Amino acid sequence: MVTLKVLKKFQDKDNKEKIYQVGETLSTSDLDRVNNLVSRGICSISAIKEANKEEKKPEKISLFEIGAVKGALAEIGVSINKNAGVQAITNKLGELTEEQNKALSEILCKE
């Protein structure tokens, strides 16, 4: 989210009834709009805030926790970095042979 300070009075492109006055602020996450307003000298950037991050929860692949999938991959002899994330594991799963897929499924679906 970017907060902009209005330098020149202008009309909002989406809500034609809204007129931004000099000194007002507006916030947007539309980077094209930010670039347009700043490059034309209409606004200046006053703050950039990182989007609120959700509380850290264990990442999951389908119905399995990421740790369980990493452990099962190790059991079938497929190496993966200890700090691998969902994308790296997904890529690795795409490279498995049919035999490896079957073995992985058996390990993960044990009761």
Protein backbone atom coordinates (compact mmCIF):
# COMPACT_ATOMS: atom_id res chain seq x y z
CA MET A 1 0.00 0.00 0.00
CA VAL A 2 1.37 3.40 -0.99
CA THR A 3 0.27 6.66 0.59
CA LEU A 4 0.47 9.68 -1.70
CA LYS A 5 0.40 13.37 -0.83
CA VAL A 6 -1.50 15.55 -3.32
CA LEU A 7 0.65 18.33 -4.83
CA LYS A 8 -1.84 19.53 -7.46
CA LYS A 9 -5.65 19.44 -7.30
CA PHE A 10 -7.10 16.61 -9.43
CA GLN A 11 -10.26 14.60 -10.07
CA ASP A 12 -10.35 10.90 -9.16
CA LYS A 13 -10.35 8.71 -12.26
CA ASP A 14 -12.85 6.19 -10.83
CA ASN A 15 -15.13 8.50 -8.83
CA LYS A 16 -15.60 11.67 -10.88
CA GLU A 17 -17.29 13.40 -7.90
CA LYS A 18 -14.12 13.12 -5.79
CA ILE A 19 -11.72 16.06 -6.14
CA TYR A 20 -8.40 15.69 -4.31
CA GLN A 21 -7.18 18.98 -2.86
CA VAL A 22 -3.55 20.01 -2.33
CA GLY A 23 -2.25 18.54 0.93
CA GLU A 24 -4.72 15.65 1.08
CA THR A 25 -3.50 12.07 1.08
CA LEU A 26 -4.70 8.98 -0.70
CA SER A 27 -3.69 5.35 -0.40
CA THR A 28 -3.56 2.80 -3.18
CA SER A 29 -1.92 -0.50 -4.02
CA ASP A 30 -2.24 0.17 -7.78
CA LEU A 31 1.41 0.72 -8.78
CA ASP A 32 0.48 1.92 -12.27
CA ARG A 33 -1.65 4.65 -10.70
CA VAL A 34 1.13 5.58 -8.27
CA ASN A 35 3.65 5.84 -11.12
CA ASN A 36 1.23 7.90 -13.22
CA LEU A 37 0.40 10.42 -10.47
CA VAL A 38 4.02 10.80 -9.34
CA SER A 39 5.49 11.07 -12.86
CA ARG A 40 2.97 13.81 -13.74
CA GLY A 41 3.88 15.78 -10.60
CA ILE A 42 0.36 15.50 -9.20
CA CYS A 43 1.38 13.55 -6.09
CA SER A 44 4.45 12.58 -4.13
CA ILE A 45 4.98 9.36 -2.21
CA SER A 46 4.68 9.94 1.52
CA ALA A 47 4.70 6.34 2.79
CA ILE A 48 5.00 2.77 1.62
CA LYS A 49 3.52 0.08 3.84
CA GLU A 50 3.98 -3.63 3.47
CA ALA A 51 0.72 -5.54 3.16
CA ASN A 52 -0.38 -7.13 6.42
CA LYS A 53 1.11 -10.56 6.63
CA GLU A 54 -1.14 -13.27 7.90
CA GLU A 55 -0.15 -15.12 11.01
CA LYS A 56 2.42 -17.80 10.16
CA LYS A 57 0.69 -21.15 9.79
CA PRO A 58 2.28 -24.37 8.60
CA GLU A 59 2.28 -24.45 4.83
CA LYS A 60 0.38 -27.34 3.36
CA ILE A 61 0.40 -29.22 0.13
CA SER A 62 -3.06 -30.51 -0.53
CA LEU A 63 -3.94 -32.26 2.73
CA PHE A 64 -0.43 -32.73 4.07
CA GLU A 65 1.80 -30.49 6.12
CA ILE A 66 4.96 -29.43 4.35
CA GLY A 67 7.10 -31.28 6.92
CA ALA A 68 5.31 -34.55 6.27
CA VAL A 69 5.84 -34.23 2.52
CA LYS A 70 9.55 -33.45 3.02
CA GLY A 71 9.89 -36.48 5.31
CA ALA A 72 8.11 -38.75 2.85
CA LEU A 73 10.31 -37.53 0.00
CA ALA A 74 13.39 -38.34 2.09
CA GLU A 75 12.00 -41.84 2.79
CA ILE A 76 11.74 -42.58 -0.93
CA GLY A 77 15.26 -41.25 -1.53
CA VAL A 78 14.40 -37.89 -3.10
CA SER A 79 16.61 -35.11 -1.77
CA ILE A 80 15.19 -31.68 -1.04
CA ASN A 81 16.61 -28.73 0.87
CA LYS A 82 15.56 -28.50 4.50
CA ASN A 83 14.35 -24.94 3.96
CA ALA A 84 12.45 -25.70 0.73
CA GLY A 85 9.08 -24.02 0.44
CA VAL A 86 5.85 -25.02 -1.25
CA GLN A 87 7.00 -24.00 -4.75
CA ALA A 88 10.26 -25.99 -4.54
CA ILE A 89 8.44 -29.05 -3.21
CA THR A 90 5.74 -28.72 -5.87
CA ASN A 91 8.45 -28.60 -8.54
CA LYS A 92 10.12 -31.68 -7.05
CA LEU A 93 6.80 -33.55 -6.95
CA GLY A 94 6.35 -32.80 -10.64
CA GLU A 95 9.65 -34.54 -11.37
CA LEU A 96 8.77 -37.82 -9.64
CA THR A 97 8.41 -41.06 -11.58
CA GLU A 98 5.24 -43.14 -11.32
CA GLU A 99 7.00 -45.52 -8.93
CA GLN A 100 8.12 -42.65 -6.71
CA ASN A 101 4.61 -41.16 -6.74
CA LYS A 102 3.14 -44.49 -5.66
CA ALA A 103 5.69 -44.90 -2.87
CA LEU A 104 5.14 -41.32 -1.71
CA SER A 105 1.38 -41.80 -1.69
CA GLU A 106 1.69 -44.96 0.37
CA ILE A 107 3.86 -43.22 2.95
CA LEU A 108 1.64 -40.15 3.22
CA CYS A 109 -1.61 -42.11 3.32
CA LYS A 110 -0.58 -44.55 6.06
CA GLU A 111 -3.07 -44.73 8.88
